[in-house]
PDB file of N, CA and C in Angstrom:
ATOM      1  N   MET A   1      -3.534   2.179 -14.651  1.00  0.00           N
ATOM      2  CA  MET A   1      -4.325   1.181 -14.005  1.00  0.00           C
ATOM      3  C   MET A   1      -3.909   0.882 -12.544  1.00  0.00           C
ATOM      4  N   LEU A   2      -2.490   0.774 -12.469  1.00  0.00           N
ATOM      5  CA  LEU A   2      -2.056   0.609 -11.128  1.00  0.00           C
ATOM      6  C   LEU A   2      -2.209   1.751 -10.136  1.00  0.00           C
ATOM      7  N   THR A   3      -2.141   2.961 -10.832  1.00  0.00           N
ATOM      8  CA  THR A   3      -2.343   4.107  -9.895  1.00  0.00           C
ATOM      9  C   THR A   3      -3.776   4.190  -9.422  1.00  0.00           C
ATOM     10  N   ALA A   4      -4.690   3.673 -10.310  1.00  0.00           N
ATOM     11  CA  ALA A   4      -6.133   3.524  -9.789  1.00  0.00           C
ATOM     12  C   ALA A   4      -6.281   2.649  -8.648  1.00  0.00           C
ATOM     13  N   VAL A   5      -5.472   1.463  -8.667  1.00  0.00           N
ATOM     14  CA  VAL A   5      -5.477   0.614  -7.497  1.00  0.00           C
ATOM     15  C   VAL A   5      -4.928   1.189  -6.271  1.00  0.00           C
ATOM     16  N   GLY A   6      -3.886   1.997  -6.418  1.00  0.00           N
ATOM     17  CA  GLY A   6      -3.303   2.741  -5.278  1.00  0.00           C
ATOM     18  C   GLY A   6      -4.202   3.765  -4.718  1.00  0.00           C
ATOM     19  N   ILE A   7      -4.913   4.531  -5.556  1.00  0.00           N
ATOM     20  CA  ILE A   7      -5.855   5.483  -5.208  1.00  0.00           C
ATOM     21  C   ILE A   7      -7.043   4.778  -4.416  1.00  0.00           C
ATOM     22  N   ALA A   8      -7.536   3.734  -5.010  1.00  0.00           N
ATOM     23  CA  ALA A   8      -8.570   3.032  -4.388  1.00  0.00           C
ATOM     24  C   ALA A   8      -8.273   2.500  -2.992  1.00  0.00           C
ATOM     25  N   ALA A   9      -7.005   1.937  -2.854  1.00  0.00           N
ATOM     26  CA  ALA A   9      -6.505   1.539  -1.535  1.00  0.00           C
ATOM     27  C   ALA A   9      -6.530   2.642  -0.573  1.00  0.00           C
ATOM     28  N   TYR A  10      -6.025   3.892  -0.951  1.00  0.00           N
ATOM     29  CA  TYR A  10      -6.081   4.955  -0.012  1.00  0.00           C
ATOM     30  C   TYR A  10      -7.401   5.364   0.342  1.00  0.00           C
ATOM     31  N   TRP A  11      -8.371   5.349  -0.550  1.00  0.00           N
ATOM     32  CA  TRP A  11      -9.799   5.762  -0.343  1.00  0.00           C
ATOM     33  C   TRP A  11     -10.403   4.696   0.611  1.00  0.00           C
ATOM     34  N   LEU A  12     -10.157   3.461   0.324  1.00  0.00           N
ATOM     35  CA  LEU A  12     -10.867   2.355   1.202  1.00  0.00           C
ATOM     36  C   LEU A  12     -10.247   2.498   2.603  1.00  0.00           C
ATOM     37  N   TYR A  13      -8.924   2.711   2.685  1.00  0.00           N
ATOM     38  CA  TYR A  13      -8.352   2.779   4.010  1.00  0.00           C
ATOM     39  C   TYR A  13      -8.824   3.870   4.800  1.00  0.00           C
ATOM     40  N   LYS A  14      -8.979   5.066   4.103  1.00  0.00           N
ATOM     41  CA  LYS A  14      -9.446   6.259   4.799  1.00  0.00           C
ATOM     42  C   LYS A  14     -10.927   6.127   5.353  1.00  0.00           C
ATOM     43  N   PHE A  15     -11.731   5.327   4.708  1.00  0.00           N
ATOM     44  CA  PHE A  15     -13.098   5.213   5.075  1.00  0.00           C
ATOM     45  C   PHE A  15     -13.276   3.776   5.760  1.00  0.00           C
ATOM     46  N   ASP A  16     -12.193   3.321   6.349  1.00  0.00           N
ATOM     47  CA  ASP A  16     -12.235   2.102   7.260  1.00  0.00           C
ATOM     48  C   ASP A  16     -12.733   0.901   6.549  1.00  0.00           C
ATOM     49  N   GLN A  17     -12.549   0.708   5.224  1.00  0.00           N
ATOM     50  CA  GLN A  17     -12.785  -0.497   4.540  1.00  0.00           C
ATOM     51  C   GLN A  17     -11.402  -1.312   4.470  1.00  0.00           C
ATOM     52  N   LEU A  18     -10.991  -1.611   5.686  1.00  0.00           N
ATOM     53  CA  LEU A  18      -9.548  -2.007   5.749  1.00  0.00           C
ATOM     54  C   LEU A  18      -9.146  -3.309   5.080  1.00  0.00           C
ATOM     55  N   TRP A  19     -10.029  -4.247   4.963  1.00  0.00           N
ATOM     56  CA  TRP A  19      -9.726  -5.578   4.358  1.00  0.00           C
ATOM     57  C   TRP A  19      -9.581  -5.337   2.847  1.00  0.00           C
ATOM     58  N   LEU A  20     -10.485  -4.543   2.322  1.00  0.00           N
ATOM     59  CA  LEU A  20     -10.381  -4.239   0.844  1.00  0.00           C
ATOM     60  C   LEU A  20      -9.121  -3.354   0.536  1.00  0.00           C
ATOM     61  N   ALA A  21      -8.912  -2.454   1.483  1.00  0.00           N
ATOM     62  CA  ALA A  21      -7.680  -1.634   1.340  1.00  0.00           C
ATOM     63  C   ALA A  21      -6.405  -2.457   1.381  1.00  0.00           C
ATOM     64  N   TYR A  22      -6.322  -3.471   2.275  1.00  0.00           N
ATOM     65  CA  TYR A  22      -5.205  -4.297   2.388  1.00  0.00           C
ATOM     66  C   TYR A  22      -5.007  -5.165   1.039  1.00  0.00           C
ATOM     67  N   GLY A  23      -6.074  -5.659   0.553  1.00  0.00           N
ATOM     68  CA  GLY A  23      -6.061  -6.338  -0.672  1.00  0.00           C
ATOM     69  C   GLY A  23      -5.406  -5.453  -1.899  1.00  0.00           C
ATOM     70  N   CYS A  24      -5.983  -4.280  -1.903  1.00  0.00           N
ATOM     71  CA  CYS A  24      -5.448  -3.312  -3.027  1.00  0.00           C
ATOM     72  C   CYS A  24      -4.004  -2.941  -2.803  1.00  0.00           C
ATOM     73  N   LEU A  25      -3.589  -2.807  -1.534  1.00  0.00           N
ATOM     74  CA  LEU A  25      -2.215  -2.399  -1.152  1.00  0.00           C
ATOM     75  C   LEU A  25      -1.275  -3.574  -1.393  1.00  0.00           C
ATOM     76  N   GLU A  26      -1.700  -4.703  -1.169  1.00  0.00           N
ATOM     77  CA  GLU A  26      -0.881  -5.855  -1.481  1.00  0.00           C
ATOM     78  C   GLU A  26      -0.712  -6.159  -3.066  1.00  0.00           C
ATOM     79  N   LEU A  27      -1.833  -5.985  -3.724  1.00  0.00           N
ATOM     80  CA  LEU A  27      -1.706  -5.913  -5.163  1.00  0.00           C
ATOM     81  C   LEU A  27      -0.686  -4.858  -5.690  1.00  0.00           C
ATOM     82  N   TYR A  28      -0.755  -3.695  -5.216  1.00  0.00           N
ATOM     83  CA  TYR A  28       0.061  -2.577  -5.640  1.00  0.00           C
ATOM     84  C   TYR A  28       1.485  -2.859  -5.210  1.00  0.00           C
ATOM     85  N   SER A  29       1.654  -3.507  -4.074  1.00  0.00           N
ATOM     86  CA  SER A  29       3.061  -3.717  -3.610  1.00  0.00           C
ATOM     87  C   SER A  29       3.706  -4.772  -4.353  1.00  0.00           C
ATOM     88  N   ILE A  30       2.967  -5.834  -4.824  1.00  0.00           N
ATOM     89  CA  ILE A  30       3.559  -6.892  -5.580  1.00  0.00           C
ATOM     90  C   ILE A  30       4.152  -6.388  -6.878  1.00  0.00           C
ATOM     91  N   THR A  31       3.364  -5.458  -7.437  1.00  0.00           N
ATOM     92  CA  THR A  31       3.979  -4.882  -8.706  1.00  0.00           C
ATOM     93  C   THR A  31       5.296  -4.151  -8.463  1.00  0.00           C
ATOM     94  N   GLY A  32       5.330  -3.618  -7.306  1.00  0.00           N
ATOM     95  CA  GLY A  32       6.707  -2.954  -7.074  1.00  0.00           C
ATOM     96  C   GLY A  32       7.758  -3.913  -6.799  1.00  0.00           C
ATOM     97  N   LEU A  33       7.346  -4.931  -6.104  1.00  0.00           N
ATOM     98  CA  LEU A  33       8.304  -6.014  -5.677  1.00  0.00           C
ATOM     99  C   LEU A  33       8.741  -6.798  -6.949  1.00  0.00           C
ATOM    100  N   ALA A  34       7.890  -6.755  -7.943  1.00  0.00           N
ATOM    101  CA  ALA A  34       8.346  -7.501  -9.243  1.00  0.00           C
ATOM    102  C   ALA A  34       9.202  -6.622 -10.110  1.00  0.00           C
ATOM    103  N   SER A  35       9.405  -5.363  -9.839  1.00  0.00           N
ATOM    104  CA  SER A  35      10.160  -4.507 -10.658  1.00  0.00           C
ATOM    105  C   SER A  35      11.589  -5.021 -10.900  1.00  0.00           C
ATOM    106  N   PRO A  36      12.327  -5.480  -9.821  1.00  0.00           N
ATOM    107  CA  PRO A  36      13.622  -5.994 -10.149  1.00  0.00           C
ATOM    108  C   PRO A  36      13.686  -7.212 -11.020  1.00  0.00           C
ATOM    109  N   GLY A  37      12.522  -7.703 -11.495  1.00  0.00           N
ATOM    110  CA  GLY A  37      12.446  -8.696 -12.475  1.00  0.00           C
ATOM    111  C   GLY A  37      12.864  -8.213 -13.842  1.00  0.00           C
ATOM    112  N   HIS A  38      13.097  -6.883 -13.978  1.00  0.00           N
ATOM    113  CA  HIS A  38      13.726  -6.426 -15.199  1.00  0.00           C
ATOM    114  C   HIS A  38      15.088  -6.968 -15.442  1.00  0.00           C
ATOM    115  N   TYR A  39      15.666  -7.359 -14.376  1.00  0.00           N
ATOM    116  CA  TYR A  39      17.076  -7.789 -14.493  1.00  0.00           C
ATOM    117  C   TYR A  39      17.192  -9.248 -15.062  1.00  0.00           C
ATOM    118  N   PHE A  40      16.031  -9.944 -15.137  1.00  0.00           N
ATOM    119  CA  PHE A  40      15.969 -11.307 -15.800  1.00  0.00           C
ATOM    120  C   PHE A  40      15.961 -11.124 -17.313  1.00  0.00           C
ATOM    121  N   HIS A  41      15.699  -9.999 -17.904  1.00  0.00           N
ATOM    122  CA  HIS A  41      15.583  -9.814 -19.304  1.00  0.00           C
ATOM    123  C   HIS A  41      16.631  -8.887 -19.812  1.00  0.00           C
ATOM    124  N   GLY A  42      17.830  -9.082 -19.319  1.00  0.00           N
ATOM    125  CA  GLY A  42      18.932  -8.237 -19.846  1.00  0.00           C
ATOM    126  C   GLY A  42      20.063  -8.119 -18.804  1.00  0.00           C
ATOM    127  N   SER A  43      21.127  -7.718 -19.220  1.00  0.00           N
ATOM    128  CA  SER A  43      22.343  -7.593 -18.333  1.00  0.00           C
ATOM    129  C   SER A  43      22.227  -6.158 -17.753  1.00  0.00           C
ATOM    130  N   TRP A  44      22.954  -6.139 -16.629  1.00  0.00           N
ATOM    131  CA  TRP A  44      23.062  -4.835 -15.866  1.00  0.00           C
ATOM    132  C   TRP A  44      23.477  -3.630 -16.730  1.00  0.00           C
ATOM    133  N   ALA A  45      24.400  -3.963 -17.659  1.00  0.00           N
ATOM    134  CA  ALA A  45      25.003  -3.029 -18.479  1.00  0.00           C
ATOM    135  C   ALA A  45      24.020  -2.395 -19.536  1.00  0.00           C
ATOM    136  N   GLN A  46      22.796  -3.074 -19.689  1.00  0.00           N
ATOM    137  CA  GLN A  46      21.963  -2.550 -20.675  1.00  0.00           C
ATOM    138  C   GLN A  46      20.989  -1.381 -19.989  1.00  0.00           C
ATOM    139  N   PHE A  47      21.164  -1.286 -18.696  1.00  0.00           N
ATOM    140  CA  PHE A  47      20.260  -0.280 -18.120  1.00  0.00           C
ATOM    141  C   PHE A  47      21.185   0.937 -17.726  1.00  0.00           C
ATOM    142  N   SER A  48      20.566   2.170 -17.785  1.00  0.00           N
ATOM    143  CA  SER A  48      21.297   3.381 -17.390  1.00  0.00           C
ATOM    144  C   SER A  48      21.255   3.439 -15.855  1.00  0.00           C
ATOM    145  N   LEU A  49      22.070   4.381 -15.252  1.00  0.00           N
ATOM    146  CA  LEU A  49      22.067   4.681 -13.835  1.00  0.00           C
ATOM    147  C   LEU A  49      20.556   5.034 -13.427  1.00  0.00           C
ATOM    148  N   LYS A  50      20.066   5.810 -14.139  1.00  0.00           N
ATOM    149  CA  LYS A  50      18.701   6.389 -13.819  1.00  0.00           C
ATOM    150  C   LYS A  50      17.676   5.085 -13.825  1.00  0.00           C
ATOM    151  N   MET A  51      17.811   4.161 -14.688  1.00  0.00           N
ATOM    152  CA  MET A  51      16.940   3.028 -14.772  1.00  0.00           C
ATOM    153  C   MET A  51      17.138   2.168 -13.534  1.00  0.00           C
ATOM    154  N   HIS A  52      18.451   1.944 -13.231  1.00  0.00           N
ATOM    155  CA  HIS A  52      18.828   1.176 -12.068  1.00  0.00           C
ATOM    156  C   HIS A  52      18.174   1.766 -10.794  1.00  0.00           C
ATOM    157  N   LEU A  53      18.285   3.200 -10.595  1.00  0.00           N
ATOM    158  CA  LEU A  53      17.790   3.756  -9.454  1.00  0.00           C
ATOM    159  C   LEU A  53      16.238   3.595  -9.418  1.00  0.00           C
ATOM    160  N   LEU A  54      15.562   3.746 -10.483  1.00  0.00           N
ATOM    161  CA  LEU A  54      14.141   3.700 -10.513  1.00  0.00           C
ATOM    162  C   LEU A  54      13.632   2.329 -10.290  1.00  0.00           C
ATOM    163  N   ILE A  55      14.344   1.254 -10.749  1.00  0.00           N
ATOM    164  CA  ILE A  55      13.950  -0.096 -10.614  1.00  0.00           C
ATOM    165  C   ILE A  55      14.168  -0.480  -9.103  1.00  0.00           C
ATOM    166  N   GLN A  56      15.277   0.003  -8.391  1.00  0.00           N
ATOM    167  CA  GLN A  56      15.494  -0.272  -7.033  1.00  0.00           C
ATOM    168  C   GLN A  56      14.513   0.493  -6.240  1.00  0.00           C
ATOM    169  N   ALA A  57      14.276   1.764  -6.433  1.00  0.00           N
ATOM    170  CA  ALA A  57      13.287   2.558  -5.685  1.00  0.00           C
ATOM    171  C   ALA A  57      11.908   1.965  -5.808  1.00  0.00           C
ATOM    172  N   ASP A  58      11.548   1.459  -6.961  1.00  0.00           N
ATOM    173  CA  ASP A  58      10.207   0.777  -7.115  1.00  0.00           C
ATOM    174  C   ASP A  58      10.147  -0.442  -6.132  1.00  0.00           C
ATOM    175  N   GLY A  59      11.180  -1.295  -6.250  1.00  0.00           N
ATOM    176  CA  GLY A  59      11.267  -2.441  -5.374  1.00  0.00           C
ATOM    177  C   GLY A  59      11.193  -2.124  -3.937  1.00  0.00           C
ATOM    178  N   LEU A  60      11.867  -1.080  -3.480  1.00  0.00           N
ATOM    179  CA  LEU A  60      11.966  -0.717  -2.092  1.00  0.00           C
ATOM    180  C   LEU A  60      10.509  -0.097  -1.677  1.00  0.00           C
ATOM    181  N   ALA A  61       9.880   0.622  -2.630  1.00  0.00           N
ATOM    182  CA  ALA A  61       8.542   1.182  -2.232  1.00  0.00           C
ATOM    183  C   ALA A  61       7.589   0.020  -2.115  1.00  0.00           C
ATOM    184  N   GLY A  62       7.645  -0.997  -2.998  1.00  0.00           N
ATOM    185  CA  GLY A  62       6.814  -2.209  -2.863  1.00  0.00           C
ATOM    186  C   GLY A  62       6.976  -2.876  -1.544  1.00  0.00           C
ATOM    187  N   LEU A  63       8.256  -2.976  -1.141  1.00  0.00           N
ATOM    188  CA  LEU A  63       8.576  -3.696   0.146  1.00  0.00           C
ATOM    189  C   LEU A  63       8.033  -2.894   1.245  1.00  0.00           C
ATOM    190  N   ALA A  64       8.137  -1.581   1.171  1.00  0.00           N
ATOM    191  CA  ALA A  64       7.652  -0.599   2.308  1.00  0.00           C
ATOM    192  C   ALA A  64       6.036  -0.798   2.481  1.00  0.00           C
ATOM    193  N   ILE A  65       5.479  -0.710   1.257  1.00  0.00           N
ATOM    194  CA  ILE A  65       3.939  -0.853   1.278  1.00  0.00           C
ATOM    195  C   ILE A  65       3.498  -2.210   1.811  1.00  0.00           C
ATOM    196  N   LEU A  66       4.174  -3.202   1.336  1.00  0.00           N
ATOM    197  CA  LEU A  66       3.908  -4.557   1.843  1.00  0.00           C
ATOM    198  C   LEU A  66       4.100  -4.696   3.321  1.00  0.00           C
ATOM    199  N   GLY A  67       5.209  -4.050   3.785  1.00  0.00           N
ATOM    200  CA  GLY A  67       5.485  -4.002   5.291  1.00  0.00           C
ATOM    201  C   GLY A  67       4.466  -3.366   6.042  1.00  0.00           C
ATOM    202  N   PHE A  68       3.974  -2.011   5.561  1.00  0.00           N
ATOM    203  CA  PHE A  68       3.009  -1.324   6.303  1.00  0.00           C
ATOM    204  C   PHE A  68       1.658  -2.229   6.289  1.00  0.00           C
ATOM    205  N   THR A  69       1.261  -2.750   5.239  1.00  0.00           N
ATOM    206  CA  THR A  69       0.060  -3.541   5.205  1.00  0.00           C
ATOM    207  C   THR A  69       0.059  -4.702   6.209  1.00  0.00           C
ATOM    208  N   THR A  70       1.258  -5.382   6.206  1.00  0.00           N
ATOM    209  CA  THR A  70       1.380  -6.504   7.169  1.00  0.00           C
ATOM    210  C   THR A  70       1.297  -6.057   8.530  1.00  0.00           C
ATOM    211  N   TRP A  71       2.047  -4.936   8.786  1.00  0.00           N
ATOM    212  CA  TRP A  71       1.999  -4.325  10.172  1.00  0.00           C
ATOM    213  C   TRP A  71       0.622  -3.862  10.560  1.00  0.00           C
ATOM    214  N   SER A  72      -0.067  -3.245   9.652  1.00  0.00           N
ATOM    215  CA  SER A  72      -1.417  -2.651   9.973  1.00  0.00           C
ATOM    216  C   SER A  72      -2.399  -3.845  10.282  1.00  0.00           C
ATOM    217  N   ALA A  73      -2.301  -4.921   9.550  1.00  0.00           N
ATOM    218  CA  ALA A  73      -3.256  -6.007   9.615  1.00  0.00           C
ATOM    219  C   ALA A  73      -2.844  -6.970  10.878  1.00  0.00           C
ATOM    220  N   LEU A  74      -1.625  -7.250  11.031  1.00  0.00           N
ATOM    221  CA  LEU A  74      -1.215  -8.358  11.933  1.00  0.00           C
ATOM    222  C   LEU A  74      -0.663  -7.761  13.255  1.00  0.00           C
ATOM    223  N   VAL A  75      -0.082  -6.669  13.344  1.00  0.00           N
ATOM    224  CA  VAL A  75       0.436  -6.053  14.529  1.00  0.00           C
ATOM    225  C   VAL A  75      -0.435  -4.918  15.117  1.00  0.00           C
ATOM    226  N   ALA A  76      -0.754  -3.967  14.344  1.00  0.00           N
ATOM    227  CA  ALA A  76      -1.526  -2.896  14.868  1.00  0.00           C
ATOM    228  C   ALA A  76      -2.972  -3.345  14.988  1.00  0.00           C
ATOM    229  N   LYS A  77      -3.341  -4.232  14.244  1.00  0.00           N
ATOM    230  CA  LYS A  77      -4.800  -4.788  14.128  1.00  0.00           C
ATOM    231  C   LYS A  77      -5.674  -3.637  14.081  1.00  0.00           C
ATOM    232  N   GLU A  78      -5.520  -2.738  13.070  1.00  0.00           N
ATOM    233  CA  GLU A  78      -6.378  -1.679  12.892  1.00  0.00           C
ATOM    234  C   GLU A  78      -7.819  -2.028  12.624  1.00  0.00           C
ATOM    235  N   TRP A  79      -7.946  -3.208  11.998  1.00  0.00           N
ATOM    236  CA  TRP A  79      -9.352  -3.608  11.741  1.00  0.00           C
ATOM    237  C   TRP A  79     -10.183  -3.927  12.943  1.00  0.00           C
ATOM    238  N   GLN A  80      -9.570  -4.000  14.082  1.00  0.00           N
ATOM    239  CA  GLN A  80     -10.257  -4.234  15.370  1.00  0.00           C
ATOM    240  C   GLN A  80     -10.636  -2.977  16.086  1.00  0.00           C
ATOM    241  N   ARG A  81     -10.107  -1.778  15.585  1.00  0.00           N
ATOM    242  CA  ARG A  81     -10.263  -0.597  16.389  1.00  0.00           C
ATOM    243  C   ARG A  81     -11.682  -0.147  16.309  1.00  0.00           C
ATOM    244  N   LYS A  82     -12.033   0.814  17.108  1.00  0.00           N
ATOM    245  CA  LYS A  82     -13.367   1.324  16.967  1.00  0.00           C
ATOM    246  C   LYS A  82     -13.405   2.429  15.975  1.00  0.00           C
ATOM    247  N   PRO A  83     -14.594   2.792  15.324  1.00  0.00           N
ATOM    248  CA  PRO A  83     -14.665   3.778  14.288  1.00  0.00           C
ATOM    249  C   PRO A  83     -14.339   5.188  14.930  1.00  0.00           C
ATOM    250  N   HIS A  84     -13.833   6.053  14.072  1.00  0.00           N
ATOM    251  CA  HIS A  84     -13.366   7.339  14.315  1.00  0.00           C
ATOM    252  C   HIS A  84     -14.417   8.039  15.033  1.00  0.00           C
ATOM    253  N   ALA A  85     -14.070   9.005  15.948  1.00  0.00           N
ATOM    254  CA  ALA A  85     -15.073   9.822  16.668  1.00  0.00           C
ATOM    255  C   ALA A  85     -15.899  10.613  15.762  1.00  0.00           C
ATOM    256  N   SER A  86     -15.282  11.048  14.636  1.00  0.00           N
ATOM    257  CA  SER A  86     -16.043  11.938  13.625  1.00  0.00           C
ATOM    258  C   SER A  86     -17.121  11.113  12.948  1.00  0.00           C
ATOM    259  N   SER A  87     -16.958   9.853  12.858  1.00  0.00           N
ATOM    260  CA  SER A  87     -17.823   9.074  12.086  1.00  0.00           C
ATOM    261  C   SER A  87     -19.052   8.419  12.911  1.00  0.00           C
ATOM    262  N   THR A  88     -18.980   8.668  14.238  1.00  0.00           N
ATOM    263  CA  THR A  88     -20.105   8.201  15.178  1.00  0.00           C
ATOM    264  C   THR A  88     -20.978   9.316  15.383  1.00  0.00           C
ATOM    265  N   GLN A  89     -22.232   9.003  15.608  1.00  0.00           N
ATOM    266  CA  GLN A  89     -23.179  10.040  15.918  1.00  0.00           C
ATOM    267  C   GLN A  89     -23.101  10.358  17.399  1.00  0.00           C
ATOM    268  N   THR A  90     -23.232  11.669  17.752  1.00  0.00           N
ATOM    269  CA  THR A  90     -23.163  12.070  19.171  1.00  0.00           C
ATOM    270  C   THR A  90     -24.621  12.345  19.656  1.00  0.00           C
ATOM    271  N   ASP A  91     -24.825  12.084  20.913  1.00  0.00           N
ATOM    272  CA  ASP A  91     -26.165  12.193  21.538  1.00  0.00           C
ATOM    273  C   ASP A  91     -26.231  13.879  21.852  1.00  0.00           C
ATOM    274  N   PRO A  92     -27.259  14.547  21.310  1.00  0.00           N
ATOM    275  CA  PRO A  92     -27.425  15.981  21.505  1.00  0.00           C
ATOM    276  C   PRO A  92     -27.603  16.210  22.954  1.00  0.00           C
ATOM    277  N   LYS A  93     -28.151  15.289  23.729  1.00  0.00           N
ATOM    278  CA  LYS A  93     -28.402  15.529  25.167  1.00  0.00           C
ATOM    279  C   LYS A  93     -27.153  15.657  26.024  1.00  0.00           C
ATOM    280  N   SER A  94     -26.053  15.087  25.499  1.00  0.00           N
ATOM    281  CA  SER A  94     -24.842  15.029  26.228  1.00  0.00           C
ATOM    282  C   SER A  94     -24.071  16.326  26.054  1.00  0.00           C
ATOM    283  N   SER A  95     -24.473  17.240  25.278  1.00  0.00           N
ATOM    284  CA  SER A  95     -23.734  18.470  24.989  1.00  0.00           C
ATOM    285  C   SER A  95     -24.061  19.486  26.060  1.00  0.00           C
TER     286      SER A  95
END
């Protein structure tokens, strides 16, 4: 299910549906940020090294996705940019 949200976010972003993409990316990132919550349900000793690495990697990936989404929306303001040149129609007389 979460993979579908991530794929939908990519597709929406690619086709300049940025606010919908941001929403999907934020949802996707929150699930990664919640991954360290595993430690609330057991001691560190109950997890293998591989599990620790995967939990931490998932948390960092969630942080990176949230950071990108925030940067894209608030700093780069990609939602204000003009459409891609390939998506605009060209005037045949200008060629």
